[in-house]
């Protein structure tokens, strides 16, 4: 009996530790994401790059299906210099095959802050931890946990007006723990793409 009570208390203590650690991870990554979201929207590329591992770099995925051939990989040093980078990268595409090519600063101004084809601004009023408001959009499944099974992500979600579901968009900051620190390993844009 005494042994059963001790075992129960031990298990209860272990559950409490894992919940406390989970809360700490969630708080840490929500705070980190707030800083990264602000850096991204303000195009503070040096500040943004501080959260990227020097060897791993950052994967950018234009849609939720991370790991596809349209992903881009950037080194930390590249991102630090994005403010002056005039290279036209392919940040997105639609089903007709039209690509959205722009500089890193143009990517933020013309794809993340507003819709690229109509006069419509994104607000990102909803924030979720390790979950998505919309699992996929059109034909693009959310594969973050398949590609990064040990990762956590924070999603900034723009919910459109009721009659314009196709205008939803999300920005997901994907983190992995490397040598005891949490690093941004992927930036995943989610958007409607029928």
Protein backbone atom coordinates (compact mmCIF):
# COMPACT_ATOMS: atom_id res chain seq x y z
CA UNK A 1 0.00 0.00 0.00
CA UNK A 2 2.76 2.40 0.99
CA UNK A 3 4.58 1.58 -2.24
CA UNK A 4 1.41 2.31 -4.29
CA UNK A 5 0.95 5.69 -2.62
CA UNK A 6 4.62 6.57 -3.25
CA UNK A 7 4.31 5.51 -6.89
CA UNK A 8 1.16 7.63 -7.28
CA UNK A 9 2.89 10.67 -5.77
CA UNK A 10 5.93 10.13 -7.97
CA UNK A 11 3.75 9.95 -11.09
CA UNK A 12 1.81 13.01 -9.98
CA UNK A 13 5.08 14.88 -9.55
CA UNK A 14 6.29 13.83 -13.00
CA UNK A 15 3.07 14.98 -14.62
CA UNK A 16 3.38 18.31 -12.82
CA UNK A 17 6.97 18.77 -14.06
CA UNK A 18 6.06 18.04 -17.66
CA UNK A 19 3.12 20.44 -17.53
CA UNK A 20 5.30 23.14 -15.97
CA UNK A 21 7.94 22.62 -18.65
CA UNK A 22 5.26 22.71 -21.34
CA UNK A 23 3.92 25.99 -19.99
CA UNK A 24 7.43 27.42 -19.90
CA UNK A 25 8.04 26.35 -23.49
CA UNK A 26 4.73 27.87 -24.57
CA UNK A 27 5.42 31.15 -22.75
CA UNK A 28 8.97 31.29 -24.11
CA UNK A 29 7.92 30.68 -27.71
CA UNK A 30 4.95 33.05 -27.55
CA UNK A 31 7.26 35.80 -26.29
CA UNK A 32 9.90 34.97 -28.89
CA UNK A 33 7.24 34.99 -31.62
CA UNK A 34 6.03 38.41 -30.56
CA UNK A 35 9.57 39.73 -31.02
CA UNK A 36 10.00 37.91 -34.34
CA UNK A 37 6.61 39.03 -35.68
CA UNK A 38 7.48 42.64 -34.87
CA UNK A 39 10.95 42.29 -36.44
CA UNK A 40 9.45 40.72 -39.56
CA UNK A 41 6.72 43.35 -40.01
CA UNK A 42 9.25 46.16 -39.42
CA UNK A 43 11.78 44.48 -41.70
CA UNK A 44 14.37 44.43 -38.91
CA UNK A 45 16.28 41.62 -40.54
CA UNK A 46 19.27 41.74 -38.19
CA UNK A 47 16.96 41.41 -35.18
CA UNK A 48 15.01 38.64 -36.92
CA UNK A 49 18.21 36.72 -37.74
CA UNK A 50 19.30 36.66 -34.08
CA UNK A 51 16.81 33.83 -33.51
CA UNK A 52 18.10 31.62 -36.33
CA UNK A 53 20.72 28.92 -35.78
CA UNK A 54 23.95 29.71 -37.60
CA UNK A 55 24.31 26.19 -39.06
CA UNK A 56 20.66 25.27 -39.63
CA UNK A 57 19.48 28.44 -41.31
CA UNK A 58 15.79 29.09 -41.99
CA UNK A 59 13.35 27.29 -44.27
CA UNK A 60 10.63 29.43 -45.78
CA UNK A 61 7.55 27.60 -47.05
CA UNK A 62 4.99 29.57 -49.07
CA UNK A 63 2.18 27.22 -47.99
CA UNK A 64 1.43 24.79 -45.17
CA UNK A 65 2.90 21.81 -47.03
CA UNK A 66 6.41 22.20 -45.64
CA UNK A 67 9.06 20.10 -47.33
CA UNK A 68 7.82 20.64 -50.87
CA UNK A 69 10.04 21.72 -53.76
CA UNK A 70 8.92 25.36 -53.46
CA UNK A 71 10.55 25.83 -50.02
CA UNK A 72 13.46 28.27 -49.80
CA UNK A 73 16.46 27.83 -47.49
CA UNK A 74 18.32 30.88 -46.21
CA UNK A 75 21.45 31.06 -44.10
CA UNK A 76 21.48 33.34 -41.07
CA UNK A 77 24.03 35.65 -42.70
CA UNK A 78 21.78 36.05 -45.77
CA UNK A 79 18.83 37.08 -43.64
CA UNK A 80 20.93 39.62 -41.73
CA UNK A 81 21.49 41.38 -45.08
CA UNK A 82 17.91 41.12 -46.42
CA UNK A 83 17.40 44.88 -45.97
CA UNK A 84 19.82 45.54 -48.84
CA UNK A 85 19.08 42.37 -50.80
CA UNK A 86 17.55 43.19 -54.21
CA UNK A 87 17.31 39.54 -55.29
CA UNK A 88 13.86 38.54 -56.57
CA UNK A 89 12.93 35.35 -54.69
CA UNK A 90 9.86 33.27 -55.52
CA UNK A 91 7.79 33.66 -52.32
CA UNK A 92 4.52 32.15 -53.51
CA UNK A 93 2.51 30.88 -56.48
CA UNK A 94 -1.05 30.14 -57.44
CA UNK A 95 -2.68 27.18 -59.16
CA UNK A 96 -2.39 28.88 -62.54
CA UNK A 97 1.40 28.77 -62.19
CA UNK A 98 1.85 32.51 -61.63
CA UNK A 99 4.61 33.16 -59.08
CA UNK A 100 4.98 36.02 -56.63
CA UNK A 101 8.57 37.18 -56.97
CA UNK A 102 9.94 40.05 -54.89
CA UNK A 103 12.80 41.21 -52.70
CA UNK A 104 12.69 40.29 -49.00
CA UNK A 105 11.37 43.76 -48.12
CA UNK A 106 8.80 43.53 -50.91
CA UNK A 107 7.76 40.10 -49.63
CA UNK A 108 6.80 41.63 -46.29
CA UNK A 109 5.12 44.72 -47.74
CA UNK A 110 3.34 43.05 -50.65
CA UNK A 111 2.52 39.52 -49.47
CA UNK A 112 2.53 39.40 -45.66
CA UNK A 113 1.03 42.82 -44.91
CA UNK A 114 -1.44 42.94 -47.78
CA UNK A 115 -2.93 40.78 -50.49
CA UNK A 116 -0.77 40.89 -53.62
CA UNK A 117 -3.62 41.32 -56.12
CA UNK A 118 -6.31 43.38 -54.37
CA UNK A 119 -6.45 46.28 -51.93
CA UNK A 120 -6.72 44.21 -48.75
CA UNK A 121 -4.61 44.42 -45.56
CA UNK A 122 -3.94 41.55 -43.17
CA UNK A 123 -4.27 42.08 -39.40
CA UNK A 124 -3.19 38.76 -37.75
CA UNK A 125 -5.38 39.29 -34.68
CA UNK A 126 -5.46 35.61 -33.62
CA UNK A 127 -2.44 33.81 -32.12
CA UNK A 128 -2.31 30.05 -31.50
CA UNK A 129 0.34 27.79 -29.96
CA UNK A 130 1.22 24.56 -31.78
CA UNK A 131 -2.14 24.52 -33.52
CA UNK A 132 -3.70 26.14 -36.57
CA UNK A 133 -6.93 27.99 -37.06
CA UNK A 134 -7.15 26.28 -40.44
CA UNK A 135 -5.33 22.98 -40.92
CA UNK A 136 -4.99 23.42 -44.67
CA UNK A 137 -6.19 25.69 -47.39
CA UNK A 138 -7.49 24.28 -50.60
CA UNK A 139 -5.04 21.56 -51.62
CA UNK A 140 -2.24 22.33 -49.14
CA UNK A 141 -2.11 20.10 -46.03
CA UNK A 142 -0.31 21.33 -42.91
CA UNK A 143 2.79 19.12 -42.69
CA UNK A 144 4.76 21.01 -40.03
CA UNK A 145 4.65 18.15 -37.50
CA UNK A 146 5.50 15.57 -40.15
CA UNK A 147 8.61 17.43 -41.29
CA UNK A 148 9.55 18.75 -37.83
CA UNK A 149 8.26 16.12 -35.35
CA UNK A 150 10.08 17.68 -32.36
CA UNK A 151 9.08 21.24 -33.19
CA UNK A 152 6.55 23.64 -31.74
CA UNK A 153 5.05 26.48 -33.70
CA UNK A 154 3.23 29.73 -33.08
CA UNK A 155 0.65 30.83 -35.62
CA UNK A 156 -0.39 34.41 -36.33
CA UNK A 157 -3.72 34.16 -38.15
CA UNK A 158 -5.73 36.68 -40.13
CA UNK A 159 -9.40 35.81 -40.11
CA UNK A 160 -11.20 37.49 -43.01
CA UNK A 161 -14.69 38.86 -43.05
CA UNK A 162 -17.42 36.23 -43.22
CA UNK A 163 -18.06 36.43 -46.97
CA UNK A 164 -14.36 36.34 -47.94
CA UNK A 165 -13.00 33.05 -46.55
CA UNK A 166 -10.47 32.87 -49.39
CA UNK A 167 -8.61 35.86 -47.90
CA UNK A 168 -7.40 34.06 -44.77
CA UNK A 169 -3.66 33.99 -44.18
CA UNK A 170 -1.32 32.79 -41.44
CA UNK A 171 2.33 33.14 -40.54
CA UNK A 172 3.75 30.24 -38.54
CA UNK A 173 7.01 30.49 -36.62
CA UNK A 174 8.43 26.95 -36.24
CA UNK A 175 10.95 26.29 -33.45
CA UNK A 176 13.25 23.46 -32.50
CA UNK A 177 15.37 23.16 -29.39
CA UNK A 178 19.07 22.99 -30.31
CA UNK A 179 21.70 22.69 -27.57
CA UNK A 180 19.23 23.93 -24.94
CA UNK A 181 18.04 27.01 -26.85
CA UNK A 182 14.95 27.51 -29.02
CA UNK A 183 15.71 28.54 -32.59
CA UNK A 184 13.46 29.52 -35.46
CA UNK A 185 13.93 26.79 -38.08
CA UNK A 186 11.06 27.55 -40.44
CA UNK A 187 8.71 30.35 -41.40
CA UNK A 188 5.56 28.88 -42.90
CA UNK A 189 2.96 30.98 -44.63
CA UNK A 190 -0.53 29.54 -44.85
CA UNK A 191 -3.04 30.90 -47.35
CA UNK A 192 -5.99 29.83 -49.43
CA UNK A 193 -4.83 28.21 -52.64
CA UNK A 194 -7.65 26.19 -54.21
